[in-house]
Amino acid sequence: MSAKVHLDHAHNLHLLKEMIRIRRFEEKCFELYQAQKIRGFLHLYDGEEAV
């Protein structure tokens, strides 16, 4: 038996804000990597924020 999950507007808004925060963080990481301020490898998960 599976239970239905109900996400209210406030929770959906919270999830969206977190996804935007993750995207901005990765964009900043890429910027710093391009400026050679981050060494090694950088693998971005652009578009996978909801996962």
PDB file of N, CA and C in Angstrom:
ATOM      1  N   MET A   1       0.855  -1.177   0.000  1.00  0.00           N
ATOM      2  CA  MET A   1       0.000   0.000   0.000  1.00  0.00           C
ATOM      3  C   MET A   1       0.900   1.239   0.000  1.00  0.00           C
ATOM      4  N   SER A   2       0.595   2.176  -0.867  1.00  0.00           N
ATOM      5  CA  SER A   2       1.377   3.411  -0.927  1.00  0.00           C
ATOM      6  C   SER A   2       0.535   4.585  -0.450  1.00  0.00           C
ATOM      7  N   ALA A   3       1.168   5.439   0.302  1.00  0.00           N
ATOM      8  CA  ALA A   3       0.478   6.616   0.812  1.00  0.00           C
ATOM      9  C   ALA A   3       0.699   7.779  -0.149  1.00  0.00           C
ATOM     10  N   LYS A   4      -0.320   8.599  -0.317  1.00  0.00           N
ATOM     11  CA  LYS A   4      -0.182   9.788  -1.153  1.00  0.00           C
ATOM     12  C   LYS A   4       0.589  10.852  -0.394  1.00  0.00           C
ATOM     13  N   VAL A   5       1.430  11.530  -1.109  1.00  0.00           N
ATOM     14  CA  VAL A   5       2.207  12.614  -0.521  1.00  0.00           C
ATOM     15  C   VAL A   5       1.611  13.928  -0.996  1.00  0.00           C
ATOM     16  N   HIS A   6       1.336  14.793  -0.047  1.00  0.00           N
ATOM     17  CA  HIS A   6       0.787  16.105  -0.393  1.00  0.00           C
ATOM     18  C   HIS A   6       1.800  17.167   0.002  1.00  0.00           C
ATOM     19  N   LEU A   7       2.256  17.928  -0.977  1.00  0.00           N
ATOM     20  CA  LEU A   7       3.189  19.016  -0.710  1.00  0.00           C
ATOM     21  C   LEU A   7       2.434  20.333  -0.838  1.00  0.00           C
ATOM     22  N   ASP A   8       2.437  21.100   0.225  1.00  0.00           N
ATOM     23  CA  ASP A   8       1.742  22.379   0.167  1.00  0.00           C
ATOM     24  C   ASP A   8       2.606  23.442  -0.509  1.00  0.00           C
ATOM     25  N   HIS A   9       2.010  24.579  -0.759  1.00  0.00           N
ATOM     26  CA  HIS A   9       2.683  25.658  -1.478  1.00  0.00           C
ATOM     27  C   HIS A   9       3.962  26.100  -0.770  1.00  0.00           C
ATOM     28  N   ALA A  10       3.922  26.226   0.532  1.00  0.00           N
ATOM     29  CA  ALA A  10       5.091  26.679   1.294  1.00  0.00           C
ATOM     30  C   ALA A  10       6.252  25.696   1.146  1.00  0.00           C
ATOM     31  N   HIS A  11       5.952  24.404   1.183  1.00  0.00           N
ATOM     32  CA  HIS A  11       7.003  23.398   1.041  1.00  0.00           C
ATOM     33  C   HIS A  11       7.568  23.411  -0.382  1.00  0.00           C
ATOM     34  N   ASN A  12       6.700  23.542  -1.367  1.00  0.00           N
ATOM     35  CA  ASN A  12       7.158  23.627  -2.757  1.00  0.00           C
ATOM     36  C   ASN A  12       8.058  24.839  -2.959  1.00  0.00           C
ATOM     37  N   LEU A  13       7.696  25.960  -2.374  1.00  0.00           N
ATOM     38  CA  LEU A  13       8.497  27.170  -2.473  1.00  0.00           C
ATOM     39  C   LEU A  13       9.865  26.972  -1.817  1.00  0.00           C
ATOM     40  N   HIS A  14       9.875  26.299  -0.680  1.00  0.00           N
ATOM     41  CA  HIS A  14      11.136  25.990   0.000  1.00  0.00           C
ATOM     42  C   HIS A  14      12.027  25.130  -0.891  1.00  0.00           C
ATOM     43  N   LEU A  15      11.468  24.109  -1.517  1.00  0.00           N
ATOM     44  CA  LEU A  15      12.244  23.241  -2.398  1.00  0.00           C
ATOM     45  C   LEU A  15      12.820  24.023  -3.584  1.00  0.00           C
ATOM     46  N   LEU A  16      12.017  24.900  -4.164  1.00  0.00           N
ATOM     47  CA  LEU A  16      12.480  25.716  -5.283  1.00  0.00           C
ATOM     48  C   LEU A  16      13.634  26.613  -4.857  1.00  0.00           C
ATOM     49  N   LYS A  17      13.517  27.240  -3.695  1.00  0.00           N
ATOM     50  CA  LYS A  17      14.585  28.115  -3.205  1.00  0.00           C
ATOM     51  C   LYS A  17      15.873  27.336  -2.972  1.00  0.00           C
ATOM     52  N   GLU A  18      15.759  26.123  -2.475  1.00  0.00           N
ATOM     53  CA  GLU A  18      16.938  25.284  -2.263  1.00  0.00           C
ATOM     54  C   GLU A  18      17.578  24.907  -3.593  1.00  0.00           C
ATOM     55  N   MET A  19      16.787  24.596  -4.601  1.00  0.00           N
ATOM     56  CA  MET A  19      17.328  24.260  -5.919  1.00  0.00           C
ATOM     57  C   MET A  19      18.043  25.455  -6.536  1.00  0.00           C
ATOM     58  N   ILE A  20      17.487  26.644  -6.354  1.00  0.00           N
ATOM     59  CA  ILE A  20      18.131  27.861  -6.861  1.00  0.00           C
ATOM     60  C   ILE A  20      19.440  28.108  -6.122  1.00  0.00           C
ATOM     61  N   ARG A  21      19.455  27.873  -4.815  1.00  0.00           N
ATOM     62  CA  ARG A  21      20.676  28.044  -4.017  1.00  0.00           C
ATOM     63  C   ARG A  21      21.757  27.082  -4.491  1.00  0.00           C
ATOM     64  N   ILE A  22      21.387  25.843  -4.757  1.00  0.00           N
ATOM     65  CA  ILE A  22      22.341  24.847  -5.244  1.00  0.00           C
ATOM     66  C   ILE A  22      22.905  25.268  -6.595  1.00  0.00           C
ATOM     67  N   ARG A  23      22.023  25.738  -7.500  1.00  0.00           N
ATOM     68  CA  ARG A  23      22.477  26.169  -8.829  1.00  0.00           C
ATOM     69  C   ARG A  23      23.459  27.332  -8.714  1.00  0.00           C
ATOM     70  N   ARG A  24      23.150  28.302  -7.869  1.00  0.00           N
ATOM     71  CA  ARG A  24      24.046  29.463  -7.692  1.00  0.00           C
ATOM     72  C   ARG A  24      25.392  29.039  -7.116  1.00  0.00           C
ATOM     73  N   PHE A  25      25.363  28.093  -6.184  1.00  0.00           N
ATOM     74  CA  PHE A  25      26.604  27.587  -5.601  1.00  0.00           C
ATOM     75  C   PHE A  25      27.477  26.959  -6.686  1.00  0.00           C
ATOM     76  N   GLU A  26      26.876  26.131  -7.533  1.00  0.00           N
ATOM     77  CA  GLU A  26      27.654  25.484  -8.590  1.00  0.00           C
ATOM     78  C   GLU A  26      28.161  26.496  -9.610  1.00  0.00           C
ATOM     79  N   GLU A  27      27.371  27.512  -9.908  1.00  0.00           N
ATOM     80  CA  GLU A  27      27.831  28.558 -10.825  1.00  0.00           C
ATOM     81  C   GLU A  27      29.039  29.276 -10.248  1.00  0.00           C
ATOM     82  N   LYS A  28      29.018  29.538  -8.955  1.00  0.00           N
ATOM     83  CA  LYS A  28      30.153  30.193  -8.297  1.00  0.00           C
ATOM     84  C   LYS A  28      31.369  29.271  -8.293  1.00  0.00           C
ATOM     85  N   CYS A  29      31.153  27.986  -8.062  1.00  0.00           N
ATOM     86  CA  CYS A  29      32.256  27.026  -8.119  1.00  0.00           C
ATOM     87  C   CYS A  29      32.902  27.029  -9.494  1.00  0.00           C
ATOM     88  N   PHE A  30      32.081  27.061 -10.538  1.00  0.00           N
ATOM     89  CA  PHE A  30      32.597  27.081 -11.899  1.00  0.00           C
ATOM     90  C   PHE A  30      33.406  28.349 -12.154  1.00  0.00           C
ATOM     91  N   GLU A  31      32.891  29.473 -11.668  1.00  0.00           N
ATOM     92  CA  GLU A  31      33.595  30.750 -11.824  1.00  0.00           C
ATOM     93  C   GLU A  31      34.960  30.691 -11.140  1.00  0.00           C
ATOM     94  N   LEU A  32      35.012  30.152  -9.936  1.00  0.00           N
ATOM     95  CA  LEU A  32      36.270  30.043  -9.203  1.00  0.00           C
ATOM     96  C   LEU A  32      37.205  29.034  -9.859  1.00  0.00           C
ATOM     97  N   TYR A  33      36.663  27.975 -10.415  1.00  0.00           N
ATOM     98  CA  TYR A  33      37.470  26.981 -11.116  1.00  0.00           C
ATOM     99  C   TYR A  33      38.108  27.596 -12.357  1.00  0.00           C
ATOM    100  N   GLN A  34      37.341  28.371 -13.095  1.00  0.00           N
ATOM    101  CA  GLN A  34      37.851  29.031 -14.299  1.00  0.00           C
ATOM    102  C   GLN A  34      38.957  30.028 -13.945  1.00  0.00           C
ATOM    103  N   ALA A  35      38.846  30.642 -12.778  1.00  0.00           N
ATOM    104  CA  ALA A  35      39.857  31.594 -12.312  1.00  0.00           C
ATOM    105  C   ALA A  35      41.028  30.882 -11.627  1.00  0.00           C
ATOM    106  N   GLN A  36      41.010  29.543 -11.662  1.00  0.00           N
ATOM    107  CA  GLN A  36      42.037  28.689 -11.069  1.00  0.00           C
ATOM    108  C   GLN A  36      42.182  28.895  -9.565  1.00  0.00           C
ATOM    109  N   LYS A  37      41.062  29.209  -8.926  1.00  0.00           N
ATOM    110  CA  LYS A  37      41.055  29.337  -7.467  1.00  0.00           C
ATOM    111  C   LYS A  37      40.625  28.023  -6.813  1.00  0.00           C
ATOM    112  N   ILE A  38      40.085  27.119  -7.622  1.00  0.00           N
ATOM    113  CA  ILE A  38      39.761  25.760  -7.172  1.00  0.00           C
ATOM    114  C   ILE A  38      40.643  24.836  -8.002  1.00  0.00           C
ATOM    115  N   ARG A  39      41.390  23.986  -7.335  1.00  0.00           N
ATOM    116  CA  ARG A  39      42.306  23.095  -8.031  1.00  0.00           C
ATOM    117  C   ARG A  39      41.690  21.708  -8.154  1.00  0.00           C
ATOM    118  N   GLY A  40      42.262  20.915  -9.028  1.00  0.00           N
ATOM    119  CA  GLY A  40      41.803  19.547  -9.210  1.00  0.00           C
ATOM    120  C   GLY A  40      40.702  19.473 -10.253  1.00  0.00           C
ATOM    121  N   PHE A  41      39.750  18.606 -10.003  1.00  0.00           N
ATOM    122  CA  PHE A  41      38.654  18.398 -10.943  1.00  0.00           C
ATOM    123  C   PHE A  41      37.372  19.028 -10.414  1.00  0.00           C
ATOM    124  N   LEU A  42      36.529  19.433 -11.331  1.00  0.00           N
ATOM    125  CA  LEU A  42      35.228  19.998 -10.964  1.00  0.00           C
ATOM    126  C   LEU A  42      34.183  19.388 -11.876  1.00  0.00           C
ATOM    127  N   HIS A  43      33.266  18.666 -11.286  1.00  0.00           N
ATOM    128  CA  HIS A  43      32.169  18.085 -12.060  1.00  0.00           C
ATOM    129  C   HIS A  43      30.872  18.713 -11.574  1.00  0.00           C
ATOM    130  N   LEU A  44      30.207  19.424 -12.459  1.00  0.00           N
ATOM    131  CA  LEU A  44      28.970  20.107 -12.095  1.00  0.00           C
ATOM    132  C   LEU A  44      27.771  19.236 -12.442  1.00  0.00           C
ATOM    133  N   TYR A  45      26.735  19.360 -11.676  1.00  0.00           N
ATOM    134  CA  TYR A  45      25.493  18.619 -11.892  1.00  0.00           C
ATOM    135  C   TYR A  45      24.397  19.577 -12.330  1.00  0.00           C
ATOM    136  N   ASP A  46      24.735  20.404 -13.303  1.00  0.00           N
ATOM    137  CA  ASP A  46      23.801  21.392 -13.833  1.00  0.00           C
ATOM    138  C   ASP A  46      22.508  20.709 -14.306  1.00  0.00           C
ATOM    139  N   GLY A  47      21.390  21.136 -13.766  1.00  0.00           N
ATOM    140  CA  GLY A  47      20.114  20.564 -14.136  1.00  0.00           C
ATOM    141  C   GLY A  47      19.681  19.393 -13.275  1.00  0.00           C
ATOM    142  N   GLU A  48      20.497  19.008 -12.317  1.00  0.00           N
ATOM    143  CA  GLU A  48      20.182  17.863 -11.450  1.00  0.00           C
ATOM    144  C   GLU A  48      19.826  18.302 -10.030  1.00  0.00           C
ATOM    145  N   GLU A  49      19.511  19.557  -9.847  1.00  0.00           N
ATOM    146  CA  GLU A  49      19.262  20.083  -8.493  1.00  0.00           C
ATOM    147  C   GLU A  49      18.100  19.358  -7.812  1.00  0.00           C
ATOM    148  N   ALA A  50      17.119  18.969  -8.562  1.00  0.00           N
ATOM    149  CA  ALA A  50      15.940  18.338  -7.959  1.00  0.00           C
ATOM    150  C   ALA A  50      16.214  16.908  -7.501  1.00  0.00           C
ATOM    151  N   VAL A  51      17.282  16.324  -8.007  1.00  0.00           N
ATOM    152  CA  VAL A  51      17.622  14.958  -7.630  1.00  0.00           C
ATOM    153  C   VAL A  51      18.149  14.962  -6.213  1.00  0.00           C
TER     154      VAL A  51
END
